[in-house]
N, C-alpha and C. Protein backbone atom coordinates (compact mmCIF):
# COMPACT_ATOMS: atom_id res chain seq x y z
N UNK A 1 45.05 135.32 75.26
CA UNK A 1 43.63 135.05 75.14
C UNK A 1 43.22 134.77 73.70
N UNK A 2 43.84 135.44 72.78
CA UNK A 2 43.53 135.18 71.37
C UNK A 2 43.96 133.79 70.94
N UNK A 3 45.04 133.30 71.49
CA UNK A 3 45.53 131.97 71.14
C UNK A 3 44.54 130.90 71.57
N UNK A 4 43.97 131.08 72.73
CA UNK A 4 42.99 130.10 73.23
C UNK A 4 41.76 130.11 72.34
N UNK A 5 41.26 131.29 71.96
CA UNK A 5 40.08 131.38 71.10
C UNK A 5 40.35 130.80 69.72
N UNK A 6 41.53 131.07 69.16
CA UNK A 6 41.82 130.53 67.84
C UNK A 6 41.98 129.02 67.89
N UNK A 7 42.52 128.48 68.98
CA UNK A 7 42.64 127.04 69.12
C UNK A 7 41.27 126.39 69.21
N UNK A 8 40.36 127.01 69.98
CA UNK A 8 39.00 126.48 70.07
C UNK A 8 38.29 126.55 68.72
N UNK A 9 38.52 127.64 68.00
CA UNK A 9 37.89 127.78 66.68
C UNK A 9 38.41 126.71 65.73
N UNK A 10 39.74 126.49 65.70
CA UNK A 10 40.32 125.47 64.82
C UNK A 10 39.81 124.08 65.15
N UNK A 11 39.67 123.79 66.42
CA UNK A 11 39.15 122.49 66.83
C UNK A 11 37.71 122.33 66.38
N UNK A 12 36.91 123.38 66.49
CA UNK A 12 35.52 123.33 66.07
C UNK A 12 35.43 123.13 64.56
N UNK A 13 36.25 123.82 63.79
CA UNK A 13 36.24 123.68 62.33
C UNK A 13 36.67 122.27 61.95
N UNK A 14 37.70 121.74 62.58
CA UNK A 14 38.15 120.38 62.28
C UNK A 14 37.06 119.37 62.58
N UNK A 15 36.38 119.53 63.69
CA UNK A 15 35.29 118.60 64.03
C UNK A 15 34.16 118.68 63.02
N UNK A 16 33.84 119.90 62.60
CA UNK A 16 32.77 120.08 61.63
C UNK A 16 33.15 119.41 60.30
N UNK A 17 34.39 119.58 59.87
CA UNK A 17 34.82 118.96 58.62
C UNK A 17 34.78 117.44 58.72
N UNK A 18 35.20 116.89 59.83
CA UNK A 18 35.18 115.44 60.00
C UNK A 18 33.76 114.90 59.98
N UNK A 19 32.84 115.60 60.62
CA UNK A 19 31.46 115.15 60.65
C UNK A 19 30.82 115.22 59.26
N UNK A 20 31.09 116.29 58.53
CA UNK A 20 30.46 116.45 57.22
C UNK A 20 31.05 115.48 56.19
N UNK A 21 32.32 115.11 56.35
CA UNK A 21 32.91 114.19 55.38
C UNK A 21 32.32 112.79 55.51
N UNK A 22 31.81 112.43 56.66
CA UNK A 22 31.18 111.13 56.84
C UNK A 22 29.80 111.08 56.18
N UNK A 23 29.19 112.22 55.96
CA UNK A 23 27.83 112.29 55.44
C UNK A 23 27.82 112.15 53.92
N UNK A 24 28.88 112.54 53.25
CA UNK A 24 28.91 112.51 51.79
C UNK A 24 29.01 111.06 51.31
N UNK A 25 28.03 110.62 50.54
CA UNK A 25 28.08 109.23 50.04
C UNK A 25 29.13 109.11 48.93
N UNK A 26 29.68 107.95 48.72
CA UNK A 26 30.66 107.78 47.65
C UNK A 26 30.01 107.98 46.28
N UNK A 27 30.78 108.49 45.34
CA UNK A 27 30.26 108.76 44.00
C UNK A 27 30.08 107.46 43.25
N UNK A 28 28.94 107.33 42.63
CA UNK A 28 28.66 106.17 41.79
C UNK A 28 28.19 106.70 40.44
N UNK A 29 28.77 106.18 39.36
CA UNK A 29 28.35 106.67 38.04
C UNK A 29 26.91 106.26 37.74
N UNK A 30 26.26 107.10 36.98
CA UNK A 30 24.88 106.83 36.60
C UNK A 30 24.84 105.66 35.62
N UNK A 31 23.69 105.03 35.45
CA UNK A 31 23.58 103.93 34.47
C UNK A 31 23.94 104.40 33.05
N UNK A 32 23.58 105.63 32.73
CA UNK A 32 23.90 106.16 31.39
C UNK A 32 25.42 106.28 31.20
N UNK A 33 26.11 106.77 32.21
CA UNK A 33 27.56 106.90 32.13
C UNK A 33 28.23 105.52 32.09
N UNK A 34 27.73 104.58 32.87
CA UNK A 34 28.28 103.22 32.84
C UNK A 34 28.09 102.59 31.47
N UNK A 35 26.92 102.82 30.86
CA UNK A 35 26.65 102.30 29.52
C UNK A 35 27.59 102.92 28.49
N UNK A 36 27.81 104.23 28.59
CA UNK A 36 28.73 104.91 27.69
C UNK A 36 30.15 104.37 27.85
N UNK A 37 30.57 104.16 29.07
CA UNK A 37 31.91 103.62 29.33
C UNK A 37 32.04 102.20 28.76
N UNK A 38 31.02 101.40 28.93
CA UNK A 38 31.05 100.03 28.40
C UNK A 38 31.14 100.04 26.88
N UNK A 39 30.35 100.88 26.24
CA UNK A 39 30.40 100.97 24.77
C UNK A 39 31.77 101.46 24.31
N UNK A 40 32.35 102.42 25.03
CA UNK A 40 33.68 102.92 24.69
C UNK A 40 34.71 101.80 24.80
N UNK A 41 34.64 101.03 25.88
CA UNK A 41 35.59 99.93 26.08
C UNK A 41 35.44 98.88 24.98
N UNK A 42 34.21 98.54 24.62
CA UNK A 42 33.96 97.45 23.68
C UNK A 42 34.09 97.86 22.21
N UNK A 43 33.88 99.12 21.90
CA UNK A 43 33.92 99.54 20.50
C UNK A 43 35.22 100.26 20.14
N UNK A 44 35.50 101.32 20.82
CA UNK A 44 36.66 102.15 20.46
C UNK A 44 37.97 101.48 20.85
N UNK A 45 38.10 101.05 22.09
CA UNK A 45 39.35 100.48 22.54
C UNK A 45 39.59 99.07 22.01
N UNK A 46 38.54 98.43 21.56
CA UNK A 46 38.68 97.07 21.04
C UNK A 46 39.28 97.07 19.63
N UNK A 47 39.05 98.15 18.89
CA UNK A 47 39.57 98.24 17.54
C UNK A 47 41.07 98.53 17.58
N UNK A 48 41.74 98.09 16.56
CA UNK A 48 43.17 98.34 16.44
C UNK A 48 43.39 99.35 15.32
N UNK A 49 44.20 100.35 15.60
CA UNK A 49 44.53 101.33 14.58
C UNK A 49 45.44 100.66 13.56
N UNK A 50 45.01 100.61 12.32
CA UNK A 50 45.81 99.84 11.37
C UNK A 50 45.92 100.44 9.98
N UNK A 51 45.11 101.43 9.63
CA UNK A 51 45.14 101.96 8.28
C UNK A 51 45.62 103.41 8.26
N UNK A 52 46.73 103.71 7.57
CA UNK A 52 47.13 105.11 7.47
C UNK A 52 46.32 105.82 6.37
N UNK A 53 45.99 107.05 6.63
CA UNK A 53 45.28 107.86 5.64
C UNK A 53 46.24 108.15 4.48
N UNK A 54 45.76 108.03 3.26
CA UNK A 54 46.61 108.26 2.09
C UNK A 54 46.96 109.73 1.92
N UNK A 55 46.18 110.62 2.51
CA UNK A 55 46.43 112.06 2.35
C UNK A 55 47.32 112.62 3.45
N UNK A 56 47.06 112.25 4.71
CA UNK A 56 47.78 112.87 5.82
C UNK A 56 48.61 111.88 6.63
N UNK A 57 48.51 110.61 6.35
CA UNK A 57 49.25 109.53 7.03
C UNK A 57 48.81 109.32 8.47
N UNK A 58 47.71 109.94 8.88
CA UNK A 58 47.18 109.70 10.23
C UNK A 58 46.60 108.30 10.28
N UNK A 59 46.92 107.59 11.37
CA UNK A 59 46.39 106.23 11.49
C UNK A 59 44.91 106.26 11.81
N UNK A 60 44.16 105.39 11.18
CA UNK A 60 42.71 105.36 11.31
C UNK A 60 42.23 104.03 11.86
N UNK A 61 41.08 104.08 12.50
CA UNK A 61 40.39 102.85 12.88
C UNK A 61 39.74 102.27 11.62
N UNK A 62 39.62 100.97 11.53
CA UNK A 62 39.01 100.37 10.33
C UNK A 62 37.61 100.88 10.05
N UNK A 63 36.83 101.17 11.08
CA UNK A 63 35.46 101.64 10.84
C UNK A 63 35.42 103.07 10.35
N UNK A 64 36.50 103.84 10.55
CA UNK A 64 36.53 105.23 10.11
C UNK A 64 37.15 105.39 8.73
N UNK A 65 37.79 104.37 8.23
CA UNK A 65 38.43 104.45 6.91
C UNK A 65 37.36 104.45 5.83
N UNK A 66 37.52 105.34 4.86
CA UNK A 66 36.59 105.41 3.75
C UNK A 66 37.38 105.21 2.46
N UNK A 67 36.95 104.25 1.69
CA UNK A 67 37.63 103.96 0.43
C UNK A 67 36.97 104.76 -0.67
N UNK A 68 37.81 105.34 -1.53
CA UNK A 68 37.29 106.09 -2.68
C UNK A 68 37.83 105.43 -3.95
N UNK A 69 37.07 105.55 -5.01
CA UNK A 69 37.49 104.99 -6.29
C UNK A 69 38.62 105.83 -6.86
N UNK A 70 39.49 105.17 -7.59
CA UNK A 70 40.62 105.85 -8.21
C UNK A 70 40.13 106.76 -9.32
N UNK A 71 40.65 107.98 -9.32
CA UNK A 71 40.32 108.95 -10.36
C UNK A 71 41.61 109.31 -11.09
N UNK A 72 41.72 108.94 -12.34
CA UNK A 72 42.96 109.18 -13.08
C UNK A 72 43.21 110.66 -13.37
N UNK A 73 42.18 111.48 -13.25
CA UNK A 73 42.33 112.92 -13.50
C UNK A 73 42.79 113.68 -12.25
N UNK A 74 42.84 113.02 -11.12
CA UNK A 74 43.22 113.67 -9.85
C UNK A 74 44.65 113.26 -9.49
N UNK A 75 45.47 114.23 -9.07
CA UNK A 75 46.83 113.95 -8.64
C UNK A 75 46.80 113.76 -7.12
N UNK A 76 47.05 112.58 -6.68
CA UNK A 76 46.99 112.25 -5.26
C UNK A 76 48.28 112.68 -4.55
N UNK A 77 48.20 113.02 -3.26
CA UNK A 77 49.39 113.48 -2.53
C UNK A 77 50.54 112.48 -2.55
N UNK A 78 50.24 111.20 -2.53
CA UNK A 78 51.31 110.21 -2.59
C UNK A 78 52.07 110.28 -3.93
N UNK A 79 51.37 110.61 -4.99
CA UNK A 79 52.02 110.73 -6.29
C UNK A 79 52.89 111.99 -6.37
N UNK A 80 52.49 113.03 -5.66
CA UNK A 80 53.25 114.28 -5.66
C UNK A 80 54.58 114.10 -4.96
N UNK A 81 54.55 113.42 -3.84
CA UNK A 81 55.78 113.25 -3.05
C UNK A 81 56.62 112.16 -3.63
């Protein structure tokens, strides 16, 4: 008798899950998220990493590179090594 009740319960749960899954609409990104994704694609991914940092050798995007004037009183890491 327990087997019959558990089978009926499982069938009811499966039917409920199937019905509720049809009700959930597909996810669509908001306009703000789409705009952020577009800017990321066009700005960040469009740039090519091309400049190594003189201090740590990490590759930088051209827009993130900052040039500093040479200071003869400062010992730069490249000169140390």
